[in-house]
Amino acid sequence: MYPNLALTCTRCGADLASGDRKLSMRTPEGLRHAYECSCGAITITVSADPVPIAGEG
């Protein structure tokens, strides 16, 4: 669907990695992750696929 989709900062465009993830939460609509960039911006992602969160199980 989106072959060139990348996880990047919404303010400065820097690539974000799993180590930048500060918060994860599951809602009925999907899994949300909050990433903090070194520039101070927060980027939120939403996934409709139920992917396990580390430590969940």
PDB file of N, CA and C in Angstrom:
ATOM      1  N   MET A   1       0.817  -1.179   0.000  1.00  0.00           N
ATOM      2  CA  MET A   1       0.000   0.000   0.000  1.00  0.00           C
ATOM      3  C   MET A   1       0.874   1.261   0.000  1.00  0.00           C
ATOM      4  N   TYR A   2       1.817   1.362   0.944  1.00  0.00           N
ATOM      5  CA  TYR A   2       2.757   2.476   1.006  1.00  0.00           C
ATOM      6  C   TYR A   2       4.169   1.910   1.020  1.00  0.00           C
ATOM      7  N   PRO A   3       4.744   1.612  -0.130  1.00  0.00           N
ATOM      8  CA  PRO A   3       6.042   0.942  -0.172  1.00  0.00           C
ATOM      9  C   PRO A   3       7.198   1.778   0.365  1.00  0.00           C
ATOM     10  N   ASN A   4       7.071   3.107   0.398  1.00  0.00           N
ATOM     11  CA  ASN A   4       8.165   3.963   0.842  1.00  0.00           C
ATOM     12  C   ASN A   4       7.883   4.597   2.212  1.00  0.00           C
ATOM     13  N   LEU A   5       7.015   3.990   2.982  1.00  0.00           N
ATOM     14  CA  LEU A   5       6.673   4.512   4.296  1.00  0.00           C
ATOM     15  C   LEU A   5       7.858   4.379   5.239  1.00  0.00           C
ATOM     16  N   ALA A   6       8.200   5.460   5.937  1.00  0.00           N
ATOM     17  CA  ALA A   6       9.341   5.446   6.853  1.00  0.00           C
ATOM     18  C   ALA A   6       8.943   6.144   8.146  1.00  0.00           C
ATOM     19  N   LEU A   7       9.586   5.765   9.229  1.00  0.00           N
ATOM     20  CA  LEU A   7       9.346   6.387  10.519  1.00  0.00           C
ATOM     21  C   LEU A   7      10.297   7.572  10.659  1.00  0.00           C
ATOM     22  N   THR A   8       9.746   8.778  10.500  1.00  0.00           N
ATOM     23  CA  THR A   8      10.563   9.987  10.568  1.00  0.00           C
ATOM     24  C   THR A   8       9.895  11.028  11.463  1.00  0.00           C
ATOM     25  N   CYS A   9      10.692  11.935  11.975  1.00  0.00           N
ATOM     26  CA  CYS A   9      10.219  13.025  12.824  1.00  0.00           C
ATOM     27  C   CYS A   9       9.303  13.937  12.015  1.00  0.00           C
ATOM     28  N   THR A  10       8.197  14.338  12.630  1.00  0.00           N
ATOM     29  CA  THR A  10       7.258  15.227  11.942  1.00  0.00           C
ATOM     30  C   THR A  10       7.747  16.667  11.887  1.00  0.00           C
ATOM     31  N   ARG A  11       8.742  17.028  12.694  1.00  0.00           N
ATOM     32  CA  ARG A  11       9.268  18.398  12.692  1.00  0.00           C
ATOM     33  C   ARG A  11      10.510  18.529  11.815  1.00  0.00           C
ATOM     34  N   CYS A  12      11.540  17.698  12.064  1.00  0.00           N
ATOM     35  CA  CYS A  12      12.817  17.895  11.371  1.00  0.00           C
ATOM     36  C   CYS A  12      13.098  16.845  10.294  1.00  0.00           C
ATOM     37  N   GLY A  13      12.298  15.787  10.228  1.00  0.00           N
ATOM     38  CA  GLY A  13      12.476  14.774   9.193  1.00  0.00           C
ATOM     39  C   GLY A  13      13.523  13.717   9.502  1.00  0.00           C
ATOM     40  N   ALA A  14      14.123  13.756  10.709  1.00  0.00           N
ATOM     41  CA  ALA A  14      15.138  12.759  11.076  1.00  0.00           C
ATOM     42  C   ALA A  14      14.508  11.371  11.186  1.00  0.00           C
ATOM     43  N   ASP A  15      15.291  10.347  10.852  1.00  0.00           N
ATOM     44  CA  ASP A  15      14.825   8.972  11.019  1.00  0.00           C
ATOM     45  C   ASP A  15      14.673   8.671  12.501  1.00  0.00           C
ATOM     46  N   LEU A  16      13.591   7.962  12.853  1.00  0.00           N
ATOM     47  CA  LEU A  16      13.363   7.542  14.232  1.00  0.00           C
ATOM     48  C   LEU A  16      13.566   6.030  14.326  1.00  0.00           C
ATOM     49  N   ALA A  17      14.090   5.576  15.459  1.00  0.00           N
ATOM     50  CA  ALA A  17      14.368   4.154  15.675  1.00  0.00           C
ATOM     51  C   ALA A  17      13.569   3.670  16.884  1.00  0.00           C
ATOM     52  N   SER A  18      13.547   2.362  17.093  1.00  0.00           N
ATOM     53  CA  SER A  18      12.801   1.817  18.230  1.00  0.00           C
ATOM     54  C   SER A  18      13.306   2.372  19.553  1.00  0.00           C
ATOM     55  N   GLY A  19      14.576   2.752  19.643  1.00  0.00           N
ATOM     56  CA  GLY A  19      15.116   3.340  20.854  1.00  0.00           C
ATOM     57  C   GLY A  19      14.553   4.723  21.159  1.00  0.00           C
ATOM     58  N   ASP A  20      13.943   5.358  20.155  1.00  0.00           N
ATOM     59  CA  ASP A  20      13.319   6.668  20.337  1.00  0.00           C
ATOM     60  C   ASP A  20      11.893   6.537  20.876  1.00  0.00           C
ATOM     61  N   ARG A  21      11.369   5.306  20.914  1.00  0.00           N
ATOM     62  CA  ARG A  21       9.999   5.081  21.380  1.00  0.00           C
ATOM     63  C   ARG A  21       9.940   5.258  22.894  1.00  0.00           C
ATOM     64  N   LYS A  22       9.054   6.105  23.362  1.00  0.00           N
ATOM     65  CA  LYS A  22       8.943   6.414  24.788  1.00  0.00           C
ATOM     66  C   LYS A  22       7.682   5.846  25.412  1.00  0.00           C
ATOM     67  N   LEU A  23       6.656   5.558  24.612  1.00  0.00           N
ATOM     68  CA  LEU A  23       5.382   5.113  25.150  1.00  0.00           C
ATOM     69  C   LEU A  23       4.661   4.261  24.119  1.00  0.00           C
ATOM     70  N   SER A  24       4.043   3.194  24.584  1.00  0.00           N
ATOM     71  CA  SER A  24       3.195   2.357  23.729  1.00  0.00           C
ATOM     72  C   SER A  24       1.899   2.096  24.471  1.00  0.00           C
ATOM     73  N   MET A  25       0.794   2.123  23.742  1.00  0.00           N
ATOM     74  CA  MET A  25      -0.479   1.783  24.362  1.00  0.00           C
ATOM     75  C   MET A  25      -1.399   1.169  23.328  1.00  0.00           C
ATOM     76  N   ARG A  26      -2.202   0.236  23.791  1.00  0.00           N
ATOM     77  CA  ARG A  26      -3.151  -0.451  22.926  1.00  0.00           C
ATOM     78  C   ARG A  26      -4.551   0.075  23.223  1.00  0.00           C
ATOM     79  N   THR A  27      -5.291   0.372  22.168  1.00  0.00           N
ATOM     80  CA  THR A  27      -6.684   0.779  22.279  1.00  0.00           C
ATOM     81  C   THR A  27      -7.491  -0.158  21.378  1.00  0.00           C
ATOM     82  N   PRO A  28      -8.806  -0.113  21.457  1.00  0.00           N
ATOM     83  CA  PRO A  28      -9.609  -0.964  20.557  1.00  0.00           C
ATOM     84  C   PRO A  28      -9.341  -0.686  19.079  1.00  0.00           C
ATOM     85  N   GLU A  29      -8.873   0.523  18.775  1.00  0.00           N
ATOM     86  CA  GLU A  29      -8.609   0.893  17.377  1.00  0.00           C
ATOM     87  C   GLU A  29      -7.234   0.483  16.892  1.00  0.00           C
ATOM     88  N   GLY A  30      -6.337   0.091  17.794  1.00  0.00           N
ATOM     89  CA  GLY A  30      -5.006  -0.324  17.374  1.00  0.00           C
ATOM     90  C   GLY A  30      -3.937   0.028  18.383  1.00  0.00           C
ATOM     91  N   LEU A  31      -2.703  -0.163  17.984  1.00  0.00           N
ATOM     92  CA  LEU A  31      -1.542   0.071  18.831  1.00  0.00           C
ATOM     93  C   LEU A  31      -0.952   1.437  18.498  1.00  0.00           C
ATOM     94  N   ARG A  32      -0.696   2.231  19.540  1.00  0.00           N
ATOM     95  CA  ARG A  32      -0.103   3.550  19.357  1.00  0.00           C
ATOM     96  C   ARG A  32       1.288   3.577  19.970  1.00  0.00           C
ATOM     97  N   HIS A  33       2.208   4.244  19.300  1.00  0.00           N
ATOM     98  CA  HIS A  33       3.557   4.445  19.820  1.00  0.00           C
ATOM     99  C   HIS A  33       3.854   5.935  19.770  1.00  0.00           C
ATOM    100  N   ALA A  34       4.512   6.435  20.805  1.00  0.00           N
ATOM    101  CA  ALA A  34       4.976   7.822  20.832  1.00  0.00           C
ATOM    102  C   ALA A  34       6.498   7.796  20.791  1.00  0.00           C
ATOM    103  N   TYR A  35       7.077   8.526  19.838  1.00  0.00           N
ATOM    104  CA  TYR A  35       8.526   8.609  19.656  1.00  0.00           C
ATOM    105  C   TYR A  35       8.963  10.033  19.945  1.00  0.00           C
ATOM    106  N   GLU A  36      10.102  10.180  20.633  1.00  0.00           N
ATOM    107  CA  GLU A  36      10.651  11.505  20.894  1.00  0.00           C
ATOM    108  C   GLU A  36      11.949  11.669  20.105  1.00  0.00           C
ATOM    109  N   CYS A  37      11.990  12.696  19.288  1.00  0.00           N
ATOM    110  CA  CYS A  37      13.168  12.997  18.473  1.00  0.00           C
ATOM    111  C   CYS A  37      14.145  13.848  19.285  1.00  0.00           C
ATOM    112  N   SER A  38      15.391  13.845  18.893  1.00  0.00           N
ATOM    113  CA  SER A  38      16.395  14.670  19.571  1.00  0.00           C
ATOM    114  C   SER A  38      16.094  16.165  19.427  1.00  0.00           C
ATOM    115  N   CYS A  39      15.273  16.561  18.450  1.00  0.00           N
ATOM    116  CA  CYS A  39      14.889  17.969  18.292  1.00  0.00           C
ATOM    117  C   CYS A  39      13.791  18.362  19.276  1.00  0.00           C
ATOM    118  N   GLY A  40      13.226  17.370  19.992  1.00  0.00           N
ATOM    119  CA  GLY A  40      12.201  17.639  20.985  1.00  0.00           C
ATOM    120  C   GLY A  40      10.780  17.366  20.526  1.00  0.00           C
ATOM    121  N   ALA A  41      10.580  17.074  19.258  1.00  0.00           N
ATOM    122  CA  ALA A  41       9.238  16.801  18.742  1.00  0.00           C
ATOM    123  C   ALA A  41       8.786  15.391  19.117  1.00  0.00           C
ATOM    124  N   ILE A  42       7.481  15.220  19.226  1.00  0.00           N
ATOM    125  CA  ILE A  42       6.875  13.922  19.493  1.00  0.00           C
ATOM    126  C   ILE A  42       6.127  13.486  18.238  1.00  0.00           C
ATOM    127  N   THR A  43       6.349  12.256  17.805  1.00  0.00           N
ATOM    128  CA  THR A  43       5.661  11.684  16.654  1.00  0.00           C
ATOM    129  C   THR A  43       4.858  10.488  17.137  1.00  0.00           C
ATOM    130  N   ILE A  44       3.569  10.432  16.777  1.00  0.00           N
ATOM    131  CA  ILE A  44       2.680   9.351  17.174  1.00  0.00           C
ATOM    132  C   ILE A  44       2.394   8.486  15.947  1.00  0.00           C
ATOM    133  N   THR A  45       2.496   7.172  16.133  1.00  0.00           N
ATOM    134  CA  THR A  45       2.129   6.239  15.064  1.00  0.00           C
ATOM    135  C   THR A  45       0.966   5.387  15.543  1.00  0.00           C
ATOM    136  N   VAL A  46       0.151   4.919  14.599  1.00  0.00           N
ATOM    137  CA  VAL A  46      -0.992   4.062  14.894  1.00  0.00           C
ATOM    138  C   VAL A  46      -0.934   2.859  13.974  1.00  0.00           C
ATOM    139  N   SER A  47      -1.067   1.675  14.553  1.00  0.00           N
ATOM    140  CA  SER A  47      -1.083   0.447  13.774  1.00  0.00           C
ATOM    141  C   SER A  47      -2.363  -0.308  14.096  1.00  0.00           C
ATOM    142  N   ALA A  48      -3.110  -0.680  13.073  1.00  0.00           N
ATOM    143  CA  ALA A  48      -4.342  -1.443  13.279  1.00  0.00           C
ATOM    144  C   ALA A  48      -4.041  -2.911  13.522  1.00  0.00           C
ATOM    145  N   ASP A  49      -2.841  -3.363  13.164  1.00  0.00           N
ATOM    146  CA  ASP A  49      -2.466  -4.759  13.367  1.00  0.00           C
ATOM    147  C   ASP A  49      -2.028  -4.971  14.811  1.00  0.00           C
ATOM    148  N   PRO A  50      -2.534  -5.998  15.476  1.00  0.00           N
ATOM    149  CA  PRO A  50      -2.131  -6.249  16.867  1.00  0.00           C
ATOM    150  C   PRO A  50      -0.735  -6.838  16.958  1.00  0.00           C
ATOM    151  N   VAL A  51       0.263  -5.967  17.144  1.00  0.00           N
ATOM    152  CA  VAL A  51       1.649  -6.381  17.283  1.00  0.00           C
ATOM    153  C   VAL A  51       1.961  -6.418  18.779  1.00  0.00           C
ATOM    154  N   PRO A  52       2.579  -7.496  19.295  1.00  0.00           N
ATOM    155  CA  PRO A  52       2.861  -7.562  20.735  1.00  0.00           C
ATOM    156  C   PRO A  52       3.821  -6.468  21.194  1.00  0.00           C
ATOM    157  N   ILE A  53       3.549  -5.911  22.366  1.00  0.00           N
ATOM    158  CA  ILE A  53       4.424  -4.938  22.996  1.00  0.00           C
ATOM    159  C   ILE A  53       5.407  -5.710  23.855  1.00  0.00           C
ATOM    160  N   ALA A  54       6.671  -5.290  23.893  1.00  0.00           N
ATOM    161  CA  ALA A  54       7.676  -5.951  24.718  1.00  0.00           C
ATOM    162  C   ALA A  54       7.175  -6.065  26.158  1.00  0.00           C
ATOM    163  N   GLY A  55       7.254  -7.241  26.719  1.00  0.00           N
ATOM    164  CA  GLY A  55       6.811  -7.486  28.078  1.00  0.00           C
ATOM    165  C   GLY A  55       5.347  -7.878  28.174  1.00  0.00           C
ATOM    166  N   GLU A  56       4.629  -7.783  27.077  1.00  0.00           N
ATOM    167  CA  GLU A  56       3.214  -8.165  27.060  1.00  0.00           C
ATOM    168  C   GLU A  56       3.109  -9.635  26.686  1.00  0.00           C
ATOM    169  N   GLY A  57       2.223 -10.328  27.298  1.00  0.00           N
ATOM    170  CA  GLY A  57       2.101 -11.713  26.856  1.00  0.00           C
ATOM    171  C   GLY A  57       1.406 -12.633  27.700  1.00  0.00           C
TER     172      GLY A  57
END
